Amino acid sequence: MRNLTSQLALLSTWLQKSLPDKVILTKLIYGPLEF
């Protein structure tokens, strides 16, 4: 789970810098996980 936590942390950082299109795409991919 540590790796998953790291991935989510990196994803959060990436989202803060991302374009709206990337946010939408990421939500479509990771939405079902509901982290």
Protein backbone atom coordinates (compact mmCIF):
# COMPACT_ATOMS: atom_id res chain seq x y z
CA MET A 1 0.00 0.00 0.00
CA ARG A 2 2.96 2.32 0.49
CA ASN A 3 3.56 2.40 -3.24
CA LEU A 4 -0.10 3.22 -3.84
CA THR A 5 0.06 6.05 -1.31
CA SER A 6 3.12 7.44 -3.05
CA GLN A 7 1.38 7.24 -6.41
CA LEU A 8 -1.65 9.08 -5.07
CA ALA A 9 0.55 11.76 -3.52
CA LEU A 10 2.35 12.26 -6.82
CA LEU A 11 -0.98 12.29 -8.60
CA SER A 12 -2.28 14.99 -6.26
CA THR A 13 0.78 17.14 -6.94
CA TRP A 14 0.41 16.52 -10.66
CA LEU A 15 -3.27 17.43 -10.61
CA GLN A 16 -2.56 20.76 -8.94
CA LYS A 17 -0.33 21.66 -11.89
CA SER A 18 -2.44 20.04 -14.57
CA LEU A 19 -4.78 21.36 -17.19
CA PRO A 20 -8.55 20.83 -16.87
CA ASP A 21 -8.40 18.18 -19.59
CA LYS A 22 -5.92 16.19 -17.53
CA VAL A 23 -8.11 16.53 -14.45
CA ILE A 24 -11.10 15.17 -16.33
CA LEU A 25 -9.06 12.33 -17.82
CA THR A 26 -7.62 11.40 -14.43
CA LYS A 27 -11.05 11.45 -12.81
CA LEU A 28 -12.31 9.10 -15.49
CA ILE A 29 -9.40 6.74 -14.83
CA TYR A 30 -9.12 6.96 -11.05
CA GLY A 31 -12.69 7.96 -10.16
CA PRO A 32 -13.85 4.39 -9.39
CA LEU A 33 -11.08 4.09 -6.78
CA GLU A 34 -12.62 6.97 -4.80
CA PHE A 35 -9.39 7.69 -2.95
